[in-house]
Amino acid sequence: MTAMKYDSNEERIKFCNEIVPTERYSYRQKIFVTLNTQEFEAKVKSFLSTDTPFAGSKPPLQKASELFKESFIIGEAHADISPKKFLIENIKNMKEHGCEILFMEHLFYDTQEELDKFFETGDISDILMQQLNAMNRHGTSHFYGPTRDISASLWNEHDYIAVLHAARKAGVRIVGVDISTVYETQAIDIGSEQKTNTRIPYMNYTAAKIMQREISSLPPEKKWCGLMGNAHVSTFEDTPGITDIFGVRSVYVFDQQNWKNSDTRCKKVAEFNTESVILGGRDIFKGEAIFKIDPRSSTTSLINSNPATRFRDFLDRNRSHKPLTTKQENLAIQYLASLKIDELCKHFGFNDKEIQHLSSYHFVDKITPVNLSKPKNENDTFCFQIEENHLRAKPYTLYVSKDKLIEFAALQQLEMKQQKAHEHSFSPS
């Protein structure tokens, strides 16, 4: 790899100190540097409260191959194999389209020199390997269970270390978007759940600042890509995502659900300008592209062919293309309204403590399509609210797929038939 000119590590550390306030203290003749939380949170709040004029400004994506014509962000569940496999198999193609930088969560900008040395020499330092090993703990689940021989092998071939090697081989530089003094204050889980409510805004702030600095040094025609957790990609829990800040495209890549339970490879799914319901319906990811892939399958066909034909048969077999009818919508509303609030909350994954807190809430008799840029009959995701009886607290928005609403409608129809049959059995002859 040809040696390249980068900022000195001193310059980067100075930059990190400018965007992340710290404070020093001594203990037993040692100097420690920690995050100045109060000042840092003020910076984060100020930055993220600024308008994001780019949000939603891109025309809808028509096919996967259009992704590589621009910069974009890949959202992942860290334990999934497919997002990393997608990068490994396609990063050479991305480079040919002008991609110069891959921005990655969990790698540190204040030790970026370790990544740059790797890019030049191919040698992974002890410091960098230690962090990569920590990142690879996300894949621990693949080493247990009856399919561990297959899943562990797939993880080892497509882990974070493999991503670095693939990027270097393609000539794409890796840049970390975390800063160690901030990262050390976070409770980073090896699963997909956020353990603190500060991780999303903290990382989005440092990532955006670092990315702005690095992108400004790229020629205008060059592109970049990001790999980060799903919650950082687009607006999530009222925090602007990286795609909103930079006005770039988003693609969520998931492992096919239950792929380990299938002897045959699950067919790939590619959906555009759509949503993925998460947390049992308590939130959604909005993606310009959502790919669901069996890790045993190649990902290159997603880019090299038109998914409109390749996936039509699969979608026809596995999804209802018929729109939600007015009758079904009304039946679904009746079904949800008939549930006690604790029953409704259990449908959407609330725990006992949360259900107790919501005991004074009720279902608002209205269902709304999520994607207002589409006609209602083309929406696959809908939402509704539960509201506090005396309007003393904010309402909760819950999300539900079209197919789930059709299921609720069928349950309500069955309930009505049973009730009618019951009434008929007691009516005088």
Protein backbone atom coordinates (compact mmCIF):
# COMPACT_ATOMS: atom_id res chain seq x y z
CA MET A 1 0.00 0.00 0.00
CA THR A 2 1.40 3.38 -1.01
CA ALA A 3 2.27 5.63 1.92
CA MET A 4 -0.16 8.54 2.25
CA LYS A 5 -0.02 11.90 3.98
CA TYR A 6 -2.31 12.26 6.97
CA ASP A 7 -2.66 14.76 9.77
CA SER A 8 -0.26 14.14 12.62
CA ASN A 9 -1.66 12.37 15.65
CA GLU A 10 -1.01 15.54 17.65
CA GLU A 11 -3.30 17.48 15.32
CA ARG A 12 -6.03 14.87 15.65
CA ILE A 13 -5.76 14.78 19.44
CA LYS A 14 -5.97 18.58 19.49
CA PHE A 15 -9.12 18.35 17.37
CA CYS A 16 -10.59 15.70 19.70
CA ASN A 17 -9.93 17.94 22.69
CA GLU A 18 -11.68 20.82 20.93
CA ILE A 19 -14.89 18.89 20.33
CA VAL A 20 -14.80 16.83 23.55
CA PRO A 21 -14.19 18.83 26.77
CA THR A 22 -12.14 16.91 29.33
CA GLU A 23 -10.83 17.46 32.82
CA ARG A 24 -7.69 16.18 34.46
CA TYR A 25 -7.09 14.91 37.96
CA SER A 26 -4.20 13.26 39.71
CA TYR A 27 -4.25 10.13 41.82
CA ARG A 28 -1.18 8.54 43.35
CA GLN A 29 1.09 10.68 41.20
CA LYS A 30 -0.71 9.69 37.99
CA ILE A 31 -2.65 12.05 35.73
CA PHE A 32 -6.06 10.90 34.53
CA VAL A 33 -8.16 12.49 31.79
CA THR A 34 -11.94 12.14 31.99
CA LEU A 35 -14.93 13.53 30.15
CA ASN A 36 -16.30 16.86 31.35
CA THR A 37 -19.86 15.61 31.11
CA GLN A 38 -21.62 18.90 31.74
CA GLU A 39 -19.74 20.84 29.06
CA PHE A 40 -19.85 17.93 26.63
CA GLU A 41 -23.61 17.47 26.93
CA ALA A 42 -24.08 21.18 26.25
CA LYS A 43 -22.03 20.82 23.04
CA VAL A 44 -23.98 17.72 21.99
CA LYS A 45 -27.34 19.35 22.66
CA SER A 46 -26.39 22.50 20.76
CA PHE A 47 -25.09 20.55 17.76
CA LEU A 48 -27.97 18.09 17.50
CA SER A 49 -30.66 20.75 18.00
CA THR A 50 -29.48 22.50 14.85
CA ASP A 51 -31.79 21.99 11.89
CA THR A 52 -30.90 19.09 9.59
CA PRO A 53 -32.03 20.47 6.22
CA PHE A 54 -30.89 17.36 4.35
CA ALA A 55 -33.30 15.00 6.10
CA GLY A 56 -35.54 13.31 3.54
CA SER A 57 -34.19 15.37 0.64
CA LYS A 58 -33.07 12.46 -1.57
CA PRO A 59 -35.29 11.06 -4.35
CA PRO A 60 -36.44 7.48 -3.64
CA LEU A 61 -33.96 4.71 -4.36
CA GLN A 62 -35.04 2.48 -7.25
CA LYS A 63 -32.46 -0.31 -7.12
CA ALA A 64 -29.51 -1.36 -4.99
CA SER A 65 -26.83 -0.54 -7.57
CA GLU A 66 -27.69 3.16 -7.20
CA LEU A 67 -26.20 3.08 -3.70
CA PHE A 68 -22.62 3.05 -4.95
CA LYS A 69 -23.11 6.19 -7.03
CA GLU A 70 -23.18 8.25 -3.82
CA SER A 71 -21.96 8.18 -0.25
CA PHE A 72 -24.14 6.12 2.10
CA ILE A 73 -24.43 4.64 5.60
CA ILE A 74 -24.87 0.95 6.44
CA GLY A 75 -26.84 0.25 9.59
CA GLU A 76 -26.26 -3.04 11.39
CA ALA A 77 -27.11 -5.06 14.43
CA HIS A 78 -23.54 -5.66 15.62
CA ALA A 79 -24.10 -9.40 16.08
CA ASP A 80 -25.29 -9.85 12.49
CA ILE A 81 -22.91 -11.35 9.94
CA SER A 82 -24.53 -10.04 6.76
CA PRO A 83 -23.72 -6.30 7.11
CA LYS A 84 -20.01 -7.05 7.36
CA LYS A 85 -20.23 -9.67 4.62
CA PHE A 86 -21.97 -7.10 2.40
CA LEU A 87 -19.03 -4.73 2.87
CA ILE A 88 -16.36 -7.40 2.41
CA GLU A 89 -17.92 -8.67 -0.83
CA ASN A 90 -18.74 -5.26 -2.30
CA ILE A 91 -16.04 -2.86 -1.10
CA LYS A 92 -13.89 -3.35 -4.21
CA ASN A 93 -16.89 -2.33 -6.31
CA MET A 94 -17.44 0.64 -4.00
CA LYS A 95 -13.81 1.71 -4.48
CA GLU A 96 -14.25 1.54 -8.26
CA HIS A 97 -17.17 3.94 -7.85
CA GLY A 98 -14.97 6.41 -5.93
CA CYS A 99 -15.31 5.38 -2.27
CA GLU A 100 -12.21 6.51 -0.35
CA ILE A 101 -13.14 6.21 3.35
CA LEU A 102 -15.06 3.71 5.47
CA PHE A 103 -16.13 5.32 8.76
CA MET A 104 -16.60 2.79 11.58
CA GLU A 105 -18.20 2.91 15.00
CA HIS A 106 -16.24 1.55 18.01
CA LEU A 107 -12.86 2.58 16.53
CA PHE A 108 -11.17 5.64 18.01
CA TYR A 109 -10.18 8.80 16.19
CA ASP A 110 -7.73 9.78 18.93
CA THR A 111 -5.74 6.64 18.03
CA GLN A 112 -6.37 6.92 14.29
CA GLU A 113 -2.63 6.56 13.72
CA GLU A 114 -3.01 2.83 14.50
CA LEU A 115 -5.56 2.48 11.68
CA ASP A 116 -3.44 4.52 9.28
CA LYS A 117 -0.37 2.40 10.04
CA PHE A 118 -2.46 -0.69 9.31
CA PHE A 119 -3.61 0.85 6.02
CA GLU A 120 -0.01 1.44 4.98
CA THR A 121 1.61 -1.76 6.27
CA GLY A 122 -1.12 -4.35 6.84
CA ASP A 123 0.09 -4.87 10.42
CA ILE A 124 -2.48 -4.67 13.22
CA SER A 125 -0.96 -3.20 16.39
CA ASP A 126 -1.69 -4.64 19.84
CA ILE A 127 -3.77 -1.56 20.70
CA LEU A 128 -5.91 -1.91 17.58
CA MET A 129 -6.25 -5.68 17.94
CA GLN A 130 -7.43 -5.27 21.52
CA GLN A 131 -10.30 -3.04 20.36
CA LEU A 132 -11.15 -5.28 17.40
CA ASN A 133 -11.34 -8.29 19.72
CA ALA A 134 -13.70 -6.31 21.95
CA MET A 135 -15.86 -5.48 18.92
CA ASN A 136 -15.88 -9.11 17.85
CA ARG A 137 -17.46 -10.12 21.17
CA HIS A 138 -20.73 -9.06 19.53
CA GLY A 139 -20.53 -12.35 17.63
CA THR A 140 -20.29 -14.53 20.73
CA SER A 141 -23.73 -16.08 20.15
CA HIS A 142 -22.53 -17.63 16.88
CA PHE A 143 -20.19 -19.93 18.83
CA TYR A 144 -23.00 -21.68 20.72
CA GLY A 145 -25.96 -23.84 19.77
CA PRO A 146 -26.49 -26.68 17.31
CA THR A 147 -25.43 -24.63 14.26
CA ARG A 148 -22.24 -23.26 15.82
CA ASP A 149 -19.96 -25.06 13.35
CA ILE A 150 -21.51 -23.11 10.48
CA SER A 151 -22.27 -19.81 12.22
CA ALA A 152 -18.89 -19.55 13.99
CA SER A 153 -17.05 -20.16 10.73
CA LEU A 154 -19.14 -17.52 8.94
CA TRP A 155 -18.52 -15.01 11.73
CA ASN A 156 -14.76 -15.61 11.71
CA GLU A 157 -14.69 -15.08 7.94
CA HIS A 158 -16.73 -11.88 8.11
CA ASP A 159 -15.89 -10.27 11.45
CA TYR A 160 -14.58 -6.73 12.03
CA ILE A 161 -10.98 -7.80 11.45
CA ALA A 162 -11.99 -9.22 8.07
CA VAL A 163 -13.70 -5.91 7.22
CA LEU A 164 -10.44 -4.03 7.87
CA HIS A 165 -8.43 -6.37 5.67
CA ALA A 166 -11.00 -6.19 2.85
CA ALA A 167 -11.05 -2.39 2.99
CA ARG A 168 -7.26 -2.17 2.92
CA LYS A 169 -7.02 -4.60 0.01
CA ALA A 170 -9.52 -2.47 -1.93
CA GLY A 171 -7.65 0.74 -1.07
CA VAL A 172 -10.37 2.16 1.20
CA ARG A 173 -9.08 3.88 4.35
CA ILE A 174 -10.76 3.10 7.68
CA VAL A 175 -11.51 6.04 9.99
CA GLY A 176 -12.84 5.62 13.54
CA VAL A 177 -15.72 7.84 14.65
CA ASP A 178 -15.58 7.25 18.40
CA ILE A 179 -13.38 9.11 20.88
CA SER A 180 -12.01 7.14 23.80
CA THR A 181 -12.84 9.64 26.58
CA VAL A 182 -16.49 9.58 25.50
CA TYR A 183 -16.60 5.86 24.78
CA GLU A 184 -15.27 5.00 28.23
CA THR A 185 -18.31 6.66 29.83
CA GLN A 186 -20.71 4.44 27.88
CA ALA A 187 -22.14 1.08 28.90
CA ILE A 188 -21.44 -0.70 25.61
CA ASP A 189 -23.43 -3.94 25.38
CA ILE A 190 -22.23 -6.92 23.33
CA GLY A 191 -25.84 -7.35 22.19
CA SER A 192 -27.93 -4.93 20.16
CA GLU A 193 -29.63 -3.11 23.03
CA GLN A 194 -28.62 0.37 24.20
CA LYS A 195 -27.70 0.21 27.88
CA THR A 196 -27.63 4.00 28.37
CA ASN A 197 -29.71 6.76 26.82
CA THR A 198 -26.60 8.83 26.06
CA ARG A 199 -24.89 6.48 23.61
CA ILE A 200 -26.91 7.56 20.56
CA PRO A 201 -26.50 11.37 20.89
CA TYR A 202 -22.90 11.12 22.14
CA MET A 203 -21.74 8.95 19.26
CA ASN A 204 -23.76 10.81 16.64
CA TYR A 205 -22.08 14.05 17.72
CA THR A 206 -18.50 12.75 17.68
CA ALA A 207 -19.10 10.83 14.45
CA ALA A 208 -20.55 13.86 12.68
CA LYS A 209 -17.70 16.13 13.79
CA ILE A 210 -15.01 13.63 12.77
CA MET A 211 -16.70 12.87 9.48
CA GLN A 212 -17.06 16.56 8.63
CA ARG A 213 -13.34 17.02 9.20
CA GLU A 214 -12.30 14.02 7.10
CA ILE A 215 -14.82 14.56 4.29
CA SER A 216 -13.67 18.16 3.86
CA SER A 217 -10.26 16.87 2.74
CA LEU A 218 -11.72 14.63 0.01
CA PRO A 219 -11.98 15.80 -3.62
CA PRO A 220 -15.63 16.64 -4.45
CA GLU A 221 -16.03 13.63 -6.75
CA LYS A 222 -14.93 11.14 -4.09
CA LYS A 223 -17.32 9.20 -1.89
CA TRP A 224 -17.38 7.56 1.52
CA CYS A 225 -19.36 4.96 3.45
CA GLY A 226 -20.19 4.42 7.12
CA LEU A 227 -20.76 1.24 9.14
CA MET A 228 -22.52 1.76 12.44
CA GLY A 229 -25.28 0.48 14.68
CA ASN A 230 -28.84 0.78 13.38
CA ALA A 231 -29.82 3.39 15.96
CA HIS A 232 -27.24 5.89 14.67
CA VAL A 233 -28.26 5.87 11.00
CA SER A 234 -31.46 7.94 10.82
CA THR A 235 -33.48 9.84 13.40
CA PHE A 236 -34.04 7.57 16.40
CA GLU A 237 -35.62 8.52 19.73
CA ASP A 238 -35.71 12.16 18.52
CA THR A 239 -31.94 12.22 17.90
CA PRO A 240 -30.93 13.15 14.33
CA GLY A 241 -29.05 10.34 12.62
CA ILE A 242 -25.91 10.56 10.51
CA THR A 243 -27.89 10.33 7.27
CA ASP A 244 -30.00 13.30 8.38
CA ILE A 245 -26.91 15.36 9.19
CA PHE A 246 -25.11 14.63 5.91
CA GLY A 247 -28.03 14.11 3.54
CA VAL A 248 -26.83 10.69 2.36
CA ARG A 249 -28.61 7.43 1.75
CA SER A 250 -29.25 4.74 4.35
CA VAL A 251 -29.23 0.98 3.96
CA TYR A 252 -30.04 -1.45 6.77
CA VAL A 253 -28.58 -4.93 6.37
CA PHE A 254 -29.99 -7.71 8.55
CA ASP A 255 -29.39 -11.43 8.87
CA GLN A 256 -32.49 -13.32 7.78
CA GLN A 257 -34.52 -14.15 10.87
CA ASN A 258 -34.18 -17.80 11.95
CA TRP A 259 -31.66 -18.59 9.19
CA LYS A 260 -29.91 -20.95 11.57
CA ASN A 261 -33.06 -23.09 11.76
CA SER A 262 -33.22 -23.69 8.01
CA ASP A 263 -31.31 -26.45 6.22
CA THR A 264 -31.64 -24.55 2.94
CA ARG A 265 -30.56 -20.98 2.32
CA CYS A 266 -33.24 -18.37 2.86
CA LYS A 267 -33.89 -16.18 -0.16
CA LYS A 268 -32.62 -12.61 0.01
CA VAL A 269 -35.08 -9.74 0.42
CA ALA A 270 -34.50 -6.21 -0.87
CA GLU A 271 -37.01 -3.48 -0.03
CA PHE A 272 -36.79 0.22 -0.87
CA ASN A 273 -38.12 3.37 0.78
CA THR A 274 -39.64 1.36 3.59
CA GLU A 275 -39.52 0.69 7.32
CA SER A 276 -38.53 -2.09 9.67
CA VAL A 277 -40.60 -2.41 12.85
CA ILE A 278 -38.38 -3.01 15.90
CA LEU A 279 -38.71 -3.53 19.64
CA GLY A 280 -42.00 -5.35 19.12
CA GLY A 281 -43.60 -2.27 17.55
CA ARG A 282 -42.26 0.41 19.87
CA ASP A 283 -40.07 1.99 17.20
CA ILE A 284 -39.04 1.72 13.55
CA PHE A 285 -36.00 2.12 11.34
CA LYS A 286 -36.74 4.06 8.18
CA GLY A 287 -34.47 2.96 5.36
CA GLU A 288 -34.05 3.87 1.73
CA ALA A 289 -32.99 0.25 1.37
CA ILE A 290 -33.49 -2.71 3.72
CA PHE A 291 -31.69 -5.96 2.89
CA LYS A 292 -32.41 -9.24 4.69
CA ILE A 293 -29.79 -11.84 3.85
CA ASP A 294 -28.95 -15.40 4.79
CA PRO A 295 -25.25 -15.17 5.83
CA ARG A 296 -24.59 -18.35 3.86
CA SER A 297 -25.49 -16.55 0.61
CA SER A 298 -23.52 -14.12 -1.53
CA THR A 299 -24.52 -10.46 -1.26
CA THR A 300 -23.17 -9.34 -4.62
CA SER A 301 -26.35 -10.27 -6.51
CA LEU A 302 -28.15 -7.52 -4.59
CA ILE A 303 -26.02 -4.98 -6.43
CA ASN A 304 -25.41 -6.70 -9.74
CA SER A 305 -29.02 -7.43 -10.69
CA ASN A 306 -32.38 -5.73 -10.56
CA PRO A 307 -34.17 -6.91 -7.39
CA ALA A 308 -37.54 -6.08 -8.94
CA THR A 309 -37.36 -9.38 -10.84
CA ARG A 310 -35.06 -11.44 -8.62
CA PHE A 311 -37.13 -11.00 -5.47
CA ARG A 312 -40.64 -10.68 -6.91
CA ASP A 313 -41.46 -14.37 -6.53
CA PHE A 314 -40.22 -14.42 -2.95
CA LEU A 315 -42.17 -11.31 -2.01
CA ASP A 316 -45.33 -12.63 -3.64
CA ARG A 317 -45.08 -15.80 -1.56
CA ASN A 318 -44.22 -14.16 1.72
CA ARG A 319 -45.92 -10.77 1.85
CA SER A 320 -49.42 -9.52 1.27
CA HIS A 321 -49.34 -7.08 -1.65
CA LYS A 322 -53.03 -6.32 -1.26
CA PRO A 323 -53.57 -2.95 0.43
CA LEU A 324 -55.19 -2.70 3.82
CA THR A 325 -58.89 -2.25 3.14
CA THR A 326 -61.07 0.23 5.00
CA LYS A 327 -63.03 -2.70 6.45
CA GLN A 328 -59.83 -4.35 7.72
CA GLU A 329 -58.62 -1.07 9.17
CA ASN A 330 -61.89 -0.57 11.06
CA LEU A 331 -61.84 -4.17 12.31
CA ALA A 332 -58.24 -3.77 13.49
CA ILE A 333 -59.19 -0.58 15.33
CA GLN A 334 -62.10 -2.41 16.98
CA TYR A 335 -59.77 -5.23 18.02
CA LEU A 336 -57.17 -2.89 19.54
CA ALA A 337 -59.89 -0.85 21.26
CA SER A 338 -61.33 -4.03 22.80
CA LEU A 339 -58.06 -4.87 24.54
CA LYS A 340 -57.34 -3.78 28.07
CA ILE A 341 -54.34 -1.47 28.17
CA ASP A 342 -52.14 -4.13 29.79
CA GLU A 343 -53.11 -6.64 27.07
CA LEU A 344 -52.34 -4.12 24.35
CA CYS A 345 -48.99 -3.21 25.92
CA LYS A 346 -47.97 -6.86 26.11
CA HIS A 347 -48.53 -7.10 22.35
CA PHE A 348 -45.84 -4.43 21.96
CA GLY A 349 -43.20 -5.68 24.35
CA PHE A 350 -43.68 -3.47 27.41
CA ASN A 351 -42.43 -5.00 30.64
CA ASP A 352 -44.48 -5.22 33.85
CA LYS A 353 -43.04 -2.00 35.29
CA GLU A 354 -43.80 -0.08 32.11
CA ILE A 355 -47.30 -1.55 31.91
CA GLN A 356 -47.97 -0.39 35.47
CA HIS A 357 -46.82 3.11 34.48
CA LEU A 358 -49.21 3.04 31.50
CA SER A 359 -52.23 1.82 33.46
CA SER A 360 -53.95 5.20 33.04
CA TYR A 361 -53.52 5.21 29.25
CA HIS A 362 -55.98 4.25 26.53
CA PHE A 363 -55.91 3.42 22.82
CA VAL A 364 -56.71 6.33 20.49
CA ASP A 365 -59.10 5.06 17.81
CA LYS A 366 -57.02 6.00 14.78
CA ILE A 367 -54.42 4.25 12.61
CA THR A 368 -52.08 6.32 10.42
CA PRO A 369 -49.69 5.28 7.62
CA VAL A 370 -46.05 5.95 8.51
CA ASN A 371 -44.70 6.81 5.06
CA LEU A 372 -46.59 9.94 4.03
CA SER A 373 -44.62 10.14 0.77
CA LYS A 374 -46.51 7.03 -0.39
CA PRO A 375 -50.24 6.64 -1.01
CA LYS A 376 -51.95 5.01 1.95
CA ASN A 377 -52.62 1.82 -0.01
CA GLU A 378 -48.88 1.40 -0.68
CA ASN A 379 -47.85 1.65 2.98
CA ASP A 380 -46.55 -1.43 4.75
CA THR A 381 -46.17 0.19 8.19
CA PHE A 382 -48.75 2.04 10.27
CA CYS A 383 -48.82 3.70 13.68
CA PHE A 384 -51.25 4.63 16.41
CA GLN A 385 -51.08 6.27 19.81
CA ILE A 386 -51.94 5.39 23.37
CA GLU A 387 -52.85 8.48 25.37
CA GLU A 388 -52.97 9.31 29.07
CA ASN A 389 -56.59 9.54 30.23
CA HIS A 390 -56.25 13.07 31.60
CA LEU A 391 -53.63 14.25 29.07
CA ARG A 392 -51.12 14.88 31.85
CA ALA A 393 -48.30 13.02 30.11
CA LYS A 394 -47.07 12.62 26.55
CA PRO A 395 -48.70 9.96 24.37
CA TYR A 396 -46.80 6.91 23.11
CA THR A 397 -46.61 6.09 19.40
CA LEU A 398 -46.61 2.39 18.52
CA TYR A 399 -45.88 0.85 15.12
CA VAL A 400 -47.45 -2.11 13.40
CA SER A 401 -47.02 -3.75 10.01
CA LYS A 402 -49.85 -3.97 7.48
CA ASP A 403 -49.80 -7.76 7.80
CA LYS A 404 -50.17 -7.47 11.59
CA LEU A 405 -53.17 -5.17 11.16
CA ILE A 406 -54.73 -7.71 8.79
CA GLU A 407 -54.14 -10.34 11.47
CA PHE A 408 -55.82 -8.11 14.10
CA ALA A 409 -58.76 -7.62 11.71
CA ALA A 410 -59.11 -11.39 11.27
CA LEU A 411 -59.06 -11.88 15.05
CA GLN A 412 -61.78 -9.27 15.49
CA GLN A 413 -63.88 -10.87 12.75
CA LEU A 414 -63.51 -14.26 14.44
CA GLU A 415 -64.48 -12.74 17.80
CA MET A 416 -67.59 -11.20 16.24
CA LYS A 417 -68.60 -14.53 14.65
CA GLN A 418 -68.13 -16.37 17.95
CA GLN A 419 -70.14 -13.73 19.79
CA LYS A 420 -72.91 -13.93 17.21
CA ALA A 421 -72.96 -17.74 17.44
CA HIS A 422 -73.07 -17.50 21.23
CA GLU A 423 -76.01 -15.08 21.12
CA HIS A 424 -77.80 -17.29 18.61
CA SER A 425 -77.41 -20.36 20.84
CA PHE A 426 -79.21 -18.58 23.68
CA SER A 427 -81.95 -17.02 21.56
CA PRO A 428 -85.46 -18.55 21.81
CA SER A 429 -86.30 -21.04 19.06
